[in-house]
Amino acid sequence: MLRIRGTIGDLPVDLTLELDQADWAQLGAHFGNQVQAQPATTAASSAPLRQDDALWQTARDLLRKAGQINGPELLEQLEGLTGSTAAGKRLLVRLRHCEQVKVESGADAPLYHWVD
């Protein structure tokens, strides 16, 4: 399940998507993350891992496309992506420790930079 929260213009948006194994594979392929098909017997136990991998890849792509973003704004976008403050914070911590990400102290908040 994927929850998207935010606004379109002045309209609030709260959208929940239920994705099956094939949908996650297609989403992962779209972001360059090839997901291997699993046998049906292990599909249920490995689905949460693939969802986390897809969210992680999406979080990395979000920062990569932005180039630079401040911490509070990035957290807000990650919360919208995951539908949860706790999950958004986990992704933020994971980004902080990612080798492609540089974190600098800003005047009011940390700045996250994507470095190749």
Protein backbone atom coordinates (compact mmCIF):
# COMPACT_ATOMS: atom_id res chain seq x y z
CA MET A 1 0.00 0.00 0.00
CA LEU A 2 1.24 3.49 -0.85
CA ARG A 3 -0.27 6.66 0.56
CA ILE A 4 0.16 10.04 -1.10
CA ARG A 5 -0.78 13.19 0.76
CA GLY A 6 -0.41 16.79 -0.33
CA THR A 7 -2.20 19.43 -2.32
CA ILE A 8 -2.98 20.19 -5.92
CA GLY A 9 -3.33 23.94 -5.97
CA ASP A 10 -5.60 24.68 -3.02
CA LEU A 11 -7.20 21.23 -2.99
CA PRO A 12 -6.04 18.71 -0.38
CA VAL A 13 -5.14 15.24 -1.69
CA ASP A 14 -5.08 12.04 0.35
CA LEU A 15 -4.70 9.04 -1.97
CA THR A 16 -4.10 5.41 -1.02
CA LEU A 17 -2.90 2.98 -3.68
CA GLU A 18 -2.91 -0.77 -3.27
CA LEU A 19 -0.26 -2.34 -5.46
CA ASP A 20 0.23 -6.02 -6.15
CA GLN A 21 3.54 -7.74 -6.89
CA ALA A 22 3.42 -6.91 -10.62
CA ASP A 23 2.64 -3.24 -9.90
CA TRP A 24 5.66 -2.93 -7.54
CA ALA A 25 7.87 -4.57 -10.18
CA GLN A 26 6.66 -2.11 -12.81
CA LEU A 27 7.19 0.84 -10.45
CA GLY A 28 10.68 -0.38 -9.57
CA ALA A 29 11.54 -0.83 -13.26
CA HIS A 30 10.37 2.73 -13.96
CA PHE A 31 12.94 4.04 -11.47
CA GLY A 32 15.73 1.79 -12.73
CA ASN A 33 15.32 -0.68 -9.88
CA GLN A 34 14.74 -4.06 -11.50
CA VAL A 35 12.71 -6.23 -9.15
CA GLN A 36 13.17 -9.95 -9.56
CA ALA A 37 10.04 -12.05 -9.73
CA GLN A 38 9.64 -14.32 -6.71
CA PRO A 39 7.98 -17.71 -6.64
CA ALA A 40 4.39 -17.56 -5.41
CA THR A 41 5.29 -19.32 -2.15
CA THR A 42 7.64 -16.53 -1.07
CA ALA A 43 5.79 -13.59 -2.59
CA ALA A 44 3.78 -12.80 0.57
CA SER A 45 6.81 -12.85 2.86
CA SER A 46 8.97 -10.72 0.56
CA ALA A 47 6.36 -8.11 -0.48
CA PRO A 48 7.10 -5.65 2.39
CA LEU A 49 10.80 -5.72 1.53
CA ARG A 50 10.05 -4.82 -2.08
CA GLN A 51 7.75 -2.02 -0.95
CA ASP A 52 10.53 -0.62 1.26
CA ASP A 53 12.97 -0.93 -1.63
CA ALA A 54 10.60 0.92 -3.95
CA LEU A 55 10.08 3.69 -1.37
CA TRP A 56 13.84 3.94 -0.81
CA GLN A 57 14.47 4.24 -4.53
CA THR A 58 11.71 6.85 -4.87
CA ALA A 59 13.16 8.85 -1.94
CA ARG A 60 16.61 8.80 -3.56
CA ASP A 61 15.14 9.85 -6.92
CA LEU A 62 13.24 12.69 -5.24
CA LEU A 63 16.46 14.13 -3.79
CA ARG A 64 18.46 13.41 -6.95
CA LYS A 65 15.95 15.33 -9.09
CA ALA A 66 15.81 18.24 -6.61
CA GLY A 67 19.60 18.38 -6.33
CA GLN A 68 19.34 20.18 -2.98
CA ILE A 69 16.52 20.45 -0.46
CA ASN A 70 16.24 21.51 3.18
CA GLY A 71 15.48 18.93 5.86
CA PRO A 72 11.95 20.00 6.85
CA GLU A 73 10.80 20.22 3.23
CA LEU A 74 12.36 16.84 2.43
CA LEU A 75 10.72 15.28 5.49
CA GLU A 76 7.34 16.69 4.44
CA GLN A 77 7.72 15.13 0.98
CA LEU A 78 8.84 11.80 2.46
CA GLU A 79 5.85 11.81 4.83
CA GLY A 80 3.58 12.37 1.84
CA LEU A 81 5.28 9.53 0.01
CA THR A 82 5.01 7.05 2.87
CA GLY A 83 1.82 8.30 4.53
CA SER A 84 3.52 8.24 7.92
CA THR A 85 5.74 10.60 9.91
CA ALA A 86 7.71 7.69 11.37
CA ALA A 87 8.34 6.09 7.96
CA GLY A 88 9.29 9.49 6.53
CA LYS A 89 11.82 9.99 9.34
CA ARG A 90 13.30 6.52 8.72
CA LEU A 91 13.85 7.41 5.06
CA LEU A 92 15.37 10.76 6.08
CA VAL A 93 17.86 9.01 8.38
CA ARG A 94 18.63 6.49 5.66
CA LEU A 95 19.30 9.34 3.21
CA ARG A 96 21.58 11.03 5.75
CA HIS A 97 23.77 7.91 5.73
CA CYS A 98 23.64 7.30 1.98
CA GLU A 99 26.98 7.77 0.20
CA GLN A 100 25.35 9.78 -2.61
CA VAL A 101 23.97 12.33 -0.12
CA LYS A 102 25.86 15.16 1.55
CA VAL A 103 24.24 16.92 4.51
CA GLU A 104 25.31 20.46 5.40
CA SER A 105 24.25 22.61 8.32
CA GLY A 106 22.06 25.41 7.03
CA ALA A 107 21.10 28.61 8.82
CA ASP A 108 17.77 27.18 10.00
CA ALA A 109 17.82 23.53 8.93
CA PRO A 110 20.13 20.94 7.40
CA LEU A 111 20.52 20.96 3.63
CA TYR A 112 20.51 17.63 1.80
CA HIS A 113 22.55 17.55 -1.45
CA TRP A 114 22.67 14.79 -4.04
CA VAL A 115 26.25 14.09 -5.15
CA ASP A 116 27.18 11.73 -7.97
